[in-house]
Amino acid sequence: MWDEDELDQAPIEEGNIVDIISHDGIKKGSEIVRVHCFVCGESFVGPKDRAGIFIKGHTEFHLWEITLHETLGGL
């Protein structure tokens, strides 16, 4: 529950420390971070553990694009 003083603040902002309730359990003191892809510029704002998943998945995607380009040839 939010206090009236907190209503004007976004709950998910870079640098916030939050408790997250999910189907996996409760994560206390999760820091919200911002990361971005140096290749395409897509960004993610969320908990640190999910940011790592974003970076890993995004890296794999771009490596797949390179492999696809090399396999099928360029335009």
N, C-alpha and C. Protein backbone atom coordinates (compact mmCIF):
# COMPACT_ATOMS: atom_id res chain seq x y z
N MET A 1 0.85 -1.19 0.00
CA MET A 1 0.00 0.00 0.00
C MET A 1 0.88 1.24 0.00
N TRP A 2 0.50 2.22 -0.79
CA TRP A 2 1.28 3.44 -0.92
C TRP A 2 0.71 4.54 -0.04
N ASP A 3 1.58 5.35 0.54
CA ASP A 3 1.16 6.56 1.24
C ASP A 3 0.86 7.63 0.20
N GLU A 4 0.08 8.63 0.56
CA GLU A 4 -0.23 9.72 -0.37
C GLU A 4 1.03 10.43 -0.84
N ASP A 5 2.04 10.53 0.01
CA ASP A 5 3.29 11.19 -0.36
C ASP A 5 4.04 10.41 -1.44
N GLU A 6 3.81 9.11 -1.54
CA GLU A 6 4.53 8.27 -2.49
C GLU A 6 3.82 8.12 -3.83
N LEU A 7 2.60 8.62 -3.95
CA LEU A 7 1.83 8.43 -5.17
C LEU A 7 2.45 9.10 -6.39
N ASP A 8 3.18 10.21 -6.18
CA ASP A 8 3.78 10.91 -7.32
C ASP A 8 5.11 10.28 -7.73
N GLN A 9 5.62 9.31 -7.00
CA GLN A 9 6.88 8.65 -7.33
C GLN A 9 6.60 7.35 -8.08
N ALA A 10 7.36 7.11 -9.14
CA ALA A 10 7.23 5.84 -9.86
C ALA A 10 7.85 4.73 -9.02
N PRO A 11 7.16 3.62 -8.82
CA PRO A 11 7.70 2.55 -7.99
C PRO A 11 8.90 1.84 -8.62
N ILE A 12 8.99 1.85 -9.95
CA ILE A 12 10.10 1.19 -10.62
C ILE A 12 10.97 2.26 -11.26
N GLU A 13 11.96 2.72 -10.54
CA GLU A 13 12.92 3.70 -11.03
C GLU A 13 14.31 3.20 -10.73
N GLU A 14 15.24 3.53 -11.60
CA GLU A 14 16.63 3.15 -11.41
C GLU A 14 17.12 3.62 -10.05
N GLY A 15 17.75 2.74 -9.31
CA GLY A 15 18.31 3.08 -8.01
C GLY A 15 17.40 2.74 -6.84
N ASN A 16 16.11 2.50 -7.08
CA ASN A 16 15.21 2.12 -6.00
C ASN A 16 15.58 0.74 -5.46
N ILE A 17 15.35 0.53 -4.20
CA ILE A 17 15.49 -0.77 -3.56
C ILE A 17 14.09 -1.22 -3.19
N VAL A 18 13.65 -2.36 -3.74
CA VAL A 18 12.28 -2.81 -3.54
C VAL A 18 12.24 -4.27 -3.10
N ASP A 19 11.13 -4.64 -2.49
CA ASP A 19 10.85 -6.05 -2.21
C ASP A 19 9.92 -6.55 -3.31
N ILE A 20 10.25 -7.70 -3.88
CA ILE A 20 9.48 -8.23 -4.99
C ILE A 20 8.81 -9.54 -4.57
N ILE A 21 7.51 -9.59 -4.75
CA ILE A 21 6.75 -10.81 -4.47
C ILE A 21 6.43 -11.45 -5.81
N SER A 22 6.87 -12.70 -5.98
CA SER A 22 6.60 -13.42 -7.23
C SER A 22 6.26 -14.87 -6.91
N HIS A 23 6.01 -15.65 -7.95
CA HIS A 23 5.68 -17.06 -7.74
C HIS A 23 6.90 -17.83 -7.21
N ASP A 24 8.11 -17.25 -7.36
CA ASP A 24 9.32 -17.88 -6.83
C ASP A 24 9.52 -17.63 -5.34
N GLY A 25 8.86 -16.62 -4.82
CA GLY A 25 9.01 -16.26 -3.42
C GLY A 25 9.13 -14.76 -3.28
N ILE A 26 9.74 -14.32 -2.18
CA ILE A 26 9.91 -12.90 -1.90
C ILE A 26 11.39 -12.56 -1.98
N LYS A 27 11.72 -11.57 -2.79
CA LYS A 27 13.09 -11.08 -2.89
C LYS A 27 13.14 -9.75 -2.17
N LYS A 28 13.84 -9.70 -1.07
CA LYS A 28 13.93 -8.46 -0.29
C LYS A 28 15.16 -7.67 -0.70
N GLY A 29 14.99 -6.39 -0.82
CA GLY A 29 16.11 -5.49 -1.11
C GLY A 29 16.67 -5.61 -2.51
N SER A 30 15.80 -5.85 -3.50
CA SER A 30 16.26 -5.93 -4.90
C SER A 30 16.48 -4.52 -5.44
N GLU A 31 17.67 -4.30 -6.00
CA GLU A 31 17.97 -2.99 -6.57
C GLU A 31 17.46 -2.93 -8.00
N ILE A 32 16.84 -1.81 -8.35
CA ILE A 32 16.37 -1.58 -9.71
C ILE A 32 17.51 -0.92 -10.48
N VAL A 33 17.85 -1.51 -11.64
CA VAL A 33 18.94 -1.00 -12.46
C VAL A 33 18.46 -0.77 -13.88
N ARG A 34 19.24 -0.03 -14.65
CA ARG A 34 18.98 0.19 -16.07
C ARG A 34 20.18 -0.33 -16.84
N VAL A 35 19.93 -1.20 -17.82
CA VAL A 35 20.98 -1.69 -18.71
C VAL A 35 20.51 -1.50 -20.14
N HIS A 36 21.46 -1.46 -21.07
CA HIS A 36 21.08 -1.32 -22.46
C HIS A 36 22.02 -2.11 -23.35
N CYS A 37 21.55 -2.40 -24.54
CA CYS A 37 22.31 -3.14 -25.54
C CYS A 37 23.14 -2.15 -26.34
N PHE A 38 24.44 -2.40 -26.42
CA PHE A 38 25.32 -1.51 -27.18
C PHE A 38 25.13 -1.65 -28.68
N VAL A 39 24.53 -2.75 -29.12
CA VAL A 39 24.34 -3.00 -30.55
C VAL A 39 23.11 -2.27 -31.08
N CYS A 40 21.95 -2.49 -30.44
CA CYS A 40 20.70 -1.93 -30.98
C CYS A 40 20.10 -0.83 -30.11
N GLY A 41 20.59 -0.66 -28.89
CA GLY A 41 20.09 0.41 -28.04
C GLY A 41 18.88 0.07 -27.20
N GLU A 42 18.35 -1.15 -27.32
CA GLU A 42 17.21 -1.53 -26.50
C GLU A 42 17.62 -1.51 -25.03
N SER A 43 16.72 -1.05 -24.16
CA SER A 43 17.07 -0.94 -22.74
C SER A 43 16.08 -1.71 -21.87
N PHE A 44 16.51 -1.96 -20.65
CA PHE A 44 15.71 -2.68 -19.67
C PHE A 44 15.86 -1.98 -18.33
N VAL A 45 14.76 -1.78 -17.64
CA VAL A 45 14.78 -1.24 -16.28
C VAL A 45 14.07 -2.26 -15.41
N GLY A 46 14.78 -2.77 -14.41
CA GLY A 46 14.20 -3.78 -13.53
C GLY A 46 15.22 -4.29 -12.53
N PRO A 47 14.90 -5.36 -11.82
CA PRO A 47 15.81 -5.90 -10.81
C PRO A 47 17.11 -6.42 -11.44
N LYS A 48 18.20 -6.37 -10.67
CA LYS A 48 19.51 -6.78 -11.16
C LYS A 48 19.51 -8.19 -11.75
N ASP A 49 18.85 -9.14 -11.09
CA ASP A 49 18.89 -10.52 -11.59
C ASP A 49 18.23 -10.63 -12.95
N ARG A 50 17.17 -9.89 -13.19
CA ARG A 50 16.50 -9.91 -14.49
C ARG A 50 17.32 -9.15 -15.54
N ALA A 51 18.07 -8.15 -15.11
CA ALA A 51 18.92 -7.40 -16.03
C ALA A 51 19.99 -8.32 -16.62
N GLY A 52 20.53 -9.20 -15.81
CA GLY A 52 21.51 -10.17 -16.30
C GLY A 52 20.92 -11.10 -17.33
N ILE A 53 19.69 -11.52 -17.11
CA ILE A 53 18.99 -12.38 -18.07
C ILE A 53 18.75 -11.63 -19.37
N PHE A 54 18.38 -10.35 -19.27
CA PHE A 54 18.18 -9.52 -20.46
C PHE A 54 19.46 -9.44 -21.28
N ILE A 55 20.59 -9.14 -20.63
CA ILE A 55 21.87 -9.00 -21.33
C ILE A 55 22.28 -10.32 -21.98
N LYS A 56 22.17 -11.43 -21.26
CA LYS A 56 22.54 -12.74 -21.81
C LYS A 56 21.66 -13.10 -23.00
N GLY A 57 20.37 -12.95 -22.86
CA GLY A 57 19.45 -13.26 -23.94
C GLY A 57 19.66 -12.38 -25.15
N HIS A 58 19.93 -11.11 -24.90
CA HIS A 58 20.13 -10.16 -25.99
C HIS A 58 21.44 -10.47 -26.73
N THR A 59 22.47 -10.84 -26.00
CA THR A 59 23.74 -11.23 -26.61
C THR A 59 23.53 -12.44 -27.52
N GLU A 60 22.82 -13.44 -27.02
CA GLU A 60 22.54 -14.64 -27.81
C GLU A 60 21.75 -14.29 -29.07
N PHE A 61 20.80 -13.38 -28.95
CA PHE A 61 20.01 -12.98 -30.11
C PHE A 61 20.89 -12.35 -31.19
N HIS A 62 21.76 -11.42 -30.79
CA HIS A 62 22.62 -10.77 -31.78
C HIS A 62 23.64 -11.75 -32.37
N LEU A 63 24.13 -12.69 -31.59
CA LEU A 63 25.02 -13.72 -32.14
C LEU A 63 24.28 -14.58 -33.15
N TRP A 64 23.02 -14.88 -32.88
CA TRP A 64 22.19 -15.63 -33.83
C TRP A 64 22.01 -14.84 -35.12
N GLU A 65 21.79 -13.53 -35.00
CA GLU A 65 21.65 -12.69 -36.20
C GLU A 65 22.91 -12.75 -37.06
N ILE A 66 24.07 -12.69 -36.42
CA ILE A 66 25.34 -12.75 -37.15
C ILE A 66 25.49 -14.09 -37.84
N THR A 67 25.17 -15.17 -37.12
CA THR A 67 25.25 -16.51 -37.71
C THR A 67 24.30 -16.65 -38.89
N LEU A 68 23.10 -16.15 -38.74
CA LEU A 68 22.12 -16.19 -39.81
C LEU A 68 22.61 -15.41 -41.02
N HIS A 69 23.17 -14.25 -40.78
CA HIS A 69 23.69 -13.41 -41.87
C HIS A 69 24.83 -14.13 -42.61
N GLU A 70 25.74 -14.76 -41.85
CA GLU A 70 26.86 -15.48 -42.46
C GLU A 70 26.40 -16.72 -43.22
N THR A 71 25.36 -17.39 -42.70
CA THR A 71 24.85 -18.62 -43.32
C THR A 71 24.10 -18.32 -44.61
N LEU A 72 23.22 -17.32 -44.56
CA LEU A 72 22.38 -17.01 -45.72
C LEU A 72 23.00 -15.98 -46.66
N GLY A 73 24.03 -15.32 -46.19
CA GLY A 73 24.65 -14.28 -47.00
C GLY A 73 24.01 -12.93 -46.74
N GLY A 74 24.71 -11.90 -47.08
CA GLY A 74 24.22 -10.55 -46.85
C GLY A 74 23.29 -10.09 -47.95
N LEU A 75 22.76 -8.92 -47.77
CA LEU A 75 21.86 -8.34 -48.78
C LEU A 75 22.65 -7.76 -49.92
